[in-house]
């Protein structure tokens, strides 16, 4: 997938390790049904097709296992409807995106004191690293909120 130099730099700053020319083949689950690895295969660019585009071709016997305990699938499209937010007082803007921040709130805190949000659901389609930054910010704000309550 193409990306600008800025996107690559931002991703690396957020700790992303790139694996180029690989394709996921299978998600592995442990006995408890939890993700434990993703089977990958290395690829090379094939010959141009009728449309002139070269497509990745799997390299035989190049498979490997990428250990994982969490799998996040990100597509970078518009956020889908979020019916689970109904009834919790979460404010949405006119485009249906979650409103965060505001007076006396953290930048990722929603109109519900205990719900934080970030990524495409807040900003609309954007870079995955933008969502990662929001996730880290939300974690920091949650910790600050819980720590403040413990001190009371």
C-alpha atoms as a PDB file:
ATOM      1  CA  UNK A   1       0.000   0.000   0.000  1.00  0.00           C
ATOM      2  CA  UNK A   2       1.498   3.357  -0.955  1.00  0.00           C
ATOM      3  CA  UNK A   3       2.295   5.899   1.710  1.00  0.00           C
ATOM      4  CA  UNK A   4       3.975   9.274   1.784  1.00  0.00           C
ATOM      5  CA  UNK A   5       7.370   9.804   3.399  1.00  0.00           C
ATOM      6  CA  UNK A   6       5.613  11.735   6.167  1.00  0.00           C
ATOM      7  CA  UNK A   7       3.282   8.801   6.854  1.00  0.00           C
ATOM      8  CA  UNK A   8       6.234   6.411   7.090  1.00  0.00           C
ATOM      9  CA  UNK A   9       8.134   8.747   9.425  1.00  0.00           C
ATOM     10  CA  UNK A  10       5.041   9.229  11.613  1.00  0.00           C
ATOM     11  CA  UNK A  11       4.439   5.490  11.755  1.00  0.00           C
ATOM     12  CA  UNK A  12       8.034   4.765  12.762  1.00  0.00           C
ATOM     13  CA  UNK A  13       7.828   7.460  15.458  1.00  0.00           C
ATOM     14  CA  UNK A  14       4.831   5.577  16.854  1.00  0.00           C
ATOM     15  CA  UNK A  15       6.805   2.334  16.969  1.00  0.00           C
ATOM     16  CA  UNK A  16       5.552   0.696  13.775  1.00  0.00           C
ATOM     17  CA  UNK A  17       7.842  -1.996  12.371  1.00  0.00           C
ATOM     18  CA  UNK A  18       7.281  -2.473   8.654  1.00  0.00           C
ATOM     19  CA  UNK A  19       7.204  -5.894   6.984  1.00  0.00           C
ATOM     20  CA  UNK A  20       7.304  -5.217   3.254  1.00  0.00           C
ATOM     21  CA  UNK A  21       6.157  -7.634   0.562  1.00  0.00           C
ATOM     22  CA  UNK A  22       4.216  -9.993   2.810  1.00  0.00           C
ATOM     23  CA  UNK A  23       0.605 -11.151   2.782  1.00  0.00           C
ATOM     24  CA  UNK A  24      -1.420 -12.517   5.684  1.00  0.00           C
ATOM     25  CA  UNK A  25      -2.583 -16.077   5.024  1.00  0.00           C
ATOM     26  CA  UNK A  26      -4.312 -17.222   8.176  1.00  0.00           C
ATOM     27  CA  UNK A  27      -5.124 -16.039  11.699  1.00  0.00           C
ATOM     28  CA  UNK A  28      -4.123 -18.582  14.340  1.00  0.00           C
ATOM     29  CA  UNK A  29      -6.110 -18.976  17.546  1.00  0.00           C
ATOM     30  CA  UNK A  30      -5.052 -20.711  20.742  1.00  0.00           C
ATOM     31  CA  UNK A  31      -7.205 -23.252  22.616  1.00  0.00           C
ATOM     32  CA  UNK A  32      -9.104 -20.424  24.300  1.00  0.00           C
ATOM     33  CA  UNK A  33     -10.027 -18.935  20.913  1.00  0.00           C
ATOM     34  CA  UNK A  34      -7.671 -15.973  21.331  1.00  0.00           C
ATOM     35  CA  UNK A  35      -5.388 -14.664  18.592  1.00  0.00           C
ATOM     36  CA  UNK A  36      -1.857 -16.033  19.017  1.00  0.00           C
ATOM     37  CA  UNK A  37      -0.286 -15.502  15.562  1.00  0.00           C
ATOM     38  CA  UNK A  38      -0.820 -14.550  11.941  1.00  0.00           C
ATOM     39  CA  UNK A  39       0.606 -16.802   9.244  1.00  0.00           C
ATOM     40  CA  UNK A  40       2.331 -14.701   6.590  1.00  0.00           C
ATOM     41  CA  UNK A  41       3.974 -15.395   3.245  1.00  0.00           C
ATOM     42  CA  UNK A  42       6.607 -13.311   1.476  1.00  0.00           C
ATOM     43  CA  UNK A  43       5.777 -11.976  -1.983  1.00  0.00           C
ATOM     44  CA  UNK A  44       7.477 -10.555  -5.059  1.00  0.00           C
ATOM     45  CA  UNK A  45       5.989  -8.404  -7.781  1.00  0.00           C
ATOM     46  CA  UNK A  46       4.647 -10.388 -10.709  1.00  0.00           C
ATOM     47  CA  UNK A  47       4.668  -9.463 -14.363  1.00  0.00           C
ATOM     48  CA  UNK A  48       2.377  -6.633 -15.472  1.00  0.00           C
ATOM     49  CA  UNK A  49      -1.198  -7.710 -16.206  1.00  0.00           C
ATOM     50  CA  UNK A  50      -3.404  -6.496 -19.085  1.00  0.00           C
ATOM     51  CA  UNK A  51      -3.987  -3.264 -17.178  1.00  0.00           C
ATOM     52  CA  UNK A  52      -0.218  -2.717 -16.802  1.00  0.00           C
ATOM     53  CA  UNK A  53      -0.333  -3.205 -13.047  1.00  0.00           C
ATOM     54  CA  UNK A  54       2.061  -5.599 -11.337  1.00  0.00           C
ATOM     55  CA  UNK A  55       0.505  -7.687  -8.600  1.00  0.00           C
ATOM     56  CA  UNK A  56       2.196  -9.444  -5.687  1.00  0.00           C
ATOM     57  CA  UNK A  57       2.887 -13.149  -6.169  1.00  0.00           C
ATOM     58  CA  UNK A  58       3.541 -15.477  -3.203  1.00  0.00           C
ATOM     59  CA  UNK A  59       7.055 -16.894  -2.974  1.00  0.00           C
ATOM     60  CA  UNK A  60       6.807 -20.673  -2.422  1.00  0.00           C
ATOM     61  CA  UNK A  61       8.076 -21.968   0.937  1.00  0.00           C
ATOM     62  CA  UNK A  62       8.563 -18.427   2.322  1.00  0.00           C
ATOM     63  CA  UNK A  63       5.845 -18.606   4.958  1.00  0.00           C
ATOM     64  CA  UNK A  64       6.469 -17.472   8.506  1.00  0.00           C
ATOM     65  CA  UNK A  65       4.531 -16.867  11.675  1.00  0.00           C
ATOM     66  CA  UNK A  66       4.063 -13.427  13.187  1.00  0.00           C
ATOM     67  CA  UNK A  67       3.295 -13.816  16.906  1.00  0.00           C
ATOM     68  CA  UNK A  68       0.414 -11.664  18.129  1.00  0.00           C
ATOM     69  CA  UNK A  69      -1.880 -11.379  21.104  1.00  0.00           C
ATOM     70  CA  UNK A  70      -4.050  -8.643  19.599  1.00  0.00           C
ATOM     71  CA  UNK A  71      -5.221  -8.163  16.024  1.00  0.00           C
ATOM     72  CA  UNK A  72      -6.474  -4.767  14.865  1.00  0.00           C
ATOM     73  CA  UNK A  73      -7.921  -4.634  11.388  1.00  0.00           C
ATOM     74  CA  UNK A  74      -7.800  -1.123   9.971  1.00  0.00           C
ATOM     75  CA  UNK A  75      -9.139  -0.205   6.560  1.00  0.00           C
ATOM     76  CA  UNK A  76      -9.177   3.621   6.598  1.00  0.00           C
ATOM     77  CA  UNK A  77     -12.740   4.021   5.422  1.00  0.00           C
ATOM     78  CA  UNK A  78     -15.573   6.019   6.933  1.00  0.00           C
ATOM     79  CA  UNK A  79     -16.510   4.815  10.384  1.00  0.00           C
ATOM     80  CA  UNK A  80     -19.574   2.600  10.345  1.00  0.00           C
ATOM     81  CA  UNK A  81     -22.718   3.187  12.368  1.00  0.00           C
ATOM     82  CA  UNK A  82     -22.193   2.678  16.083  1.00  0.00           C
ATOM     83  CA  UNK A  83     -25.547   1.607  17.559  1.00  0.00           C
ATOM     84  CA  UNK A  84     -23.922   0.682  20.880  1.00  0.00           C
ATOM     85  CA  UNK A  85     -23.459   4.413  21.593  1.00  0.00           C
ATOM     86  CA  UNK A  86     -27.210   5.049  21.691  1.00  0.00           C
ATOM     87  CA  UNK A  87     -28.536   5.522  25.191  1.00  0.00           C
ATOM     88  CA  UNK A  88     -25.178   6.555  26.646  1.00  0.00           C
ATOM     89  CA  UNK A  89     -25.419  10.276  25.948  1.00  0.00           C
ATOM     90  CA  UNK A  90     -22.574  10.307  23.432  1.00  0.00           C
ATOM     91  CA  UNK A  91     -22.751  13.465  21.320  1.00  0.00           C
ATOM     92  CA  UNK A  92     -22.211  13.147  17.570  1.00  0.00           C
ATOM     93  CA  UNK A  93     -21.481  15.935  15.114  1.00  0.00           C
ATOM     94  CA  UNK A  94     -23.535  16.581  11.981  1.00  0.00           C
ATOM     95  CA  UNK A  95     -21.497  13.957  10.085  1.00  0.00           C
ATOM     96  CA  UNK A  96     -22.187  11.289  12.700  1.00  0.00           C
ATOM     97  CA  UNK A  97     -18.703  11.368  14.187  1.00  0.00           C
ATOM     98  CA  UNK A  98     -18.098  11.242  17.922  1.00  0.00           C
ATOM     99  CA  UNK A  99     -17.518  14.618  19.578  1.00  0.00           C
ATOM    100  CA  UNK A 100     -14.607  14.680  22.038  1.00  0.00           C
ATOM    101  CA  UNK A 101     -12.959  17.298  24.209  1.00  0.00           C
ATOM    102  CA  UNK A 102     -14.547  20.511  25.308  1.00  0.00           C
ATOM    103  CA  UNK A 103     -14.594  22.464  28.544  1.00  0.00           C
ATOM    104  CA  UNK A 104     -13.228  20.452  31.447  1.00  0.00           C
ATOM    105  CA  UNK A 105     -12.672  17.319  29.343  1.00  0.00           C
ATOM    106  CA  UNK A 106      -9.649  15.540  27.961  1.00  0.00           C
ATOM    107  CA  UNK A 107      -9.079  15.757  24.216  1.00  0.00           C
ATOM    108  CA  UNK A 108     -10.315  12.170  23.727  1.00  0.00           C
ATOM    109  CA  UNK A 109     -13.078  12.201  26.351  1.00  0.00           C
ATOM    110  CA  UNK A 110     -16.620  12.066  24.996  1.00  0.00           C
ATOM    111  CA  UNK A 111     -19.735  13.646  26.494  1.00  0.00           C
ATOM    112  CA  UNK A 112     -19.887  10.539  28.726  1.00  0.00           C
ATOM    113  CA  UNK A 113     -17.322  10.796  31.534  1.00  0.00           C
ATOM    114  CA  UNK A 114     -16.180   7.174  31.198  1.00  0.00           C
ATOM    115  CA  UNK A 115     -16.044   6.845  27.402  1.00  0.00           C
ATOM    116  CA  UNK A 116     -13.054   7.970  25.347  1.00  0.00           C
ATOM    117  CA  UNK A 117     -12.722   7.875  21.558  1.00  0.00           C
ATOM    118  CA  UNK A 118     -10.245   8.483  18.762  1.00  0.00           C
ATOM    119  CA  UNK A 119      -9.408   7.534  15.204  1.00  0.00           C
ATOM    120  CA  UNK A 120     -11.761   7.603  12.225  1.00  0.00           C
ATOM    121  CA  UNK A 121     -14.826   7.577  14.519  1.00  0.00           C
ATOM    122  CA  UNK A 122     -13.786  11.075  15.670  1.00  0.00           C
ATOM    123  CA  UNK A 123     -11.757  12.606  12.834  1.00  0.00           C
ATOM    124  CA  UNK A 124     -13.167  10.872   9.778  1.00  0.00           C
ATOM    125  CA  UNK A 125     -10.841   8.981   7.441  1.00  0.00           C
ATOM    126  CA  UNK A 126      -7.261   9.712   8.461  1.00  0.00           C
ATOM    127  CA  UNK A 127      -3.881   8.045   8.918  1.00  0.00           C
ATOM    128  CA  UNK A 128      -3.610   5.029  11.208  1.00  0.00           C
ATOM    129  CA  UNK A 129      -0.838   6.820  13.116  1.00  0.00           C
ATOM    130  CA  UNK A 130      -3.306   9.608  13.922  1.00  0.00           C
ATOM    131  CA  UNK A 131      -5.565   6.993  15.482  1.00  0.00           C
ATOM    132  CA  UNK A 132      -2.589   5.534  17.355  1.00  0.00           C
ATOM    133  CA  UNK A 133      -1.740   8.936  18.811  1.00  0.00           C
ATOM    134  CA  UNK A 134      -5.372   9.356  19.902  1.00  0.00           C
ATOM    135  CA  UNK A 135      -5.290   5.894  21.493  1.00  0.00           C
ATOM    136  CA  UNK A 136      -2.193   6.757  23.495  1.00  0.00           C
ATOM    137  CA  UNK A 137      -3.705  10.095  24.480  1.00  0.00           C
ATOM    138  CA  UNK A 138      -6.913   8.364  25.590  1.00  0.00           C
ATOM    139  CA  UNK A 139      -4.925   5.889  27.698  1.00  0.00           C
ATOM    140  CA  UNK A 140      -3.030   8.751  29.329  1.00  0.00           C
ATOM    141  CA  UNK A 141      -6.249  10.661  30.035  1.00  0.00           C
ATOM    142  CA  UNK A 142      -7.919   7.558  31.489  1.00  0.00           C
ATOM    143  CA  UNK A 143      -4.960   6.920  33.792  1.00  0.00           C
ATOM    144  CA  UNK A 144      -5.003  10.551  34.911  1.00  0.00           C
ATOM    145  CA  UNK A 145      -8.730  10.294  35.632  1.00  0.00           C
ATOM    146  CA  UNK A 146      -8.364   7.087  37.670  1.00  0.00           C
ATOM    147  CA  UNK A 147      -5.316   8.407  39.531  1.00  0.00           C
ATOM    148  CA  UNK A 148      -7.165  11.611  40.438  1.00  0.00           C
ATOM    149  CA  UNK A 149     -10.056   9.566  41.870  1.00  0.00           C
ATOM    150  CA  UNK A 150      -7.682   7.475  44.000  1.00  0.00           C
ATOM    151  CA  UNK A 151      -6.206  10.626  45.535  1.00  0.00           C
ATOM    152  CA  UNK A 152      -9.607  11.920  46.676  1.00  0.00           C
END
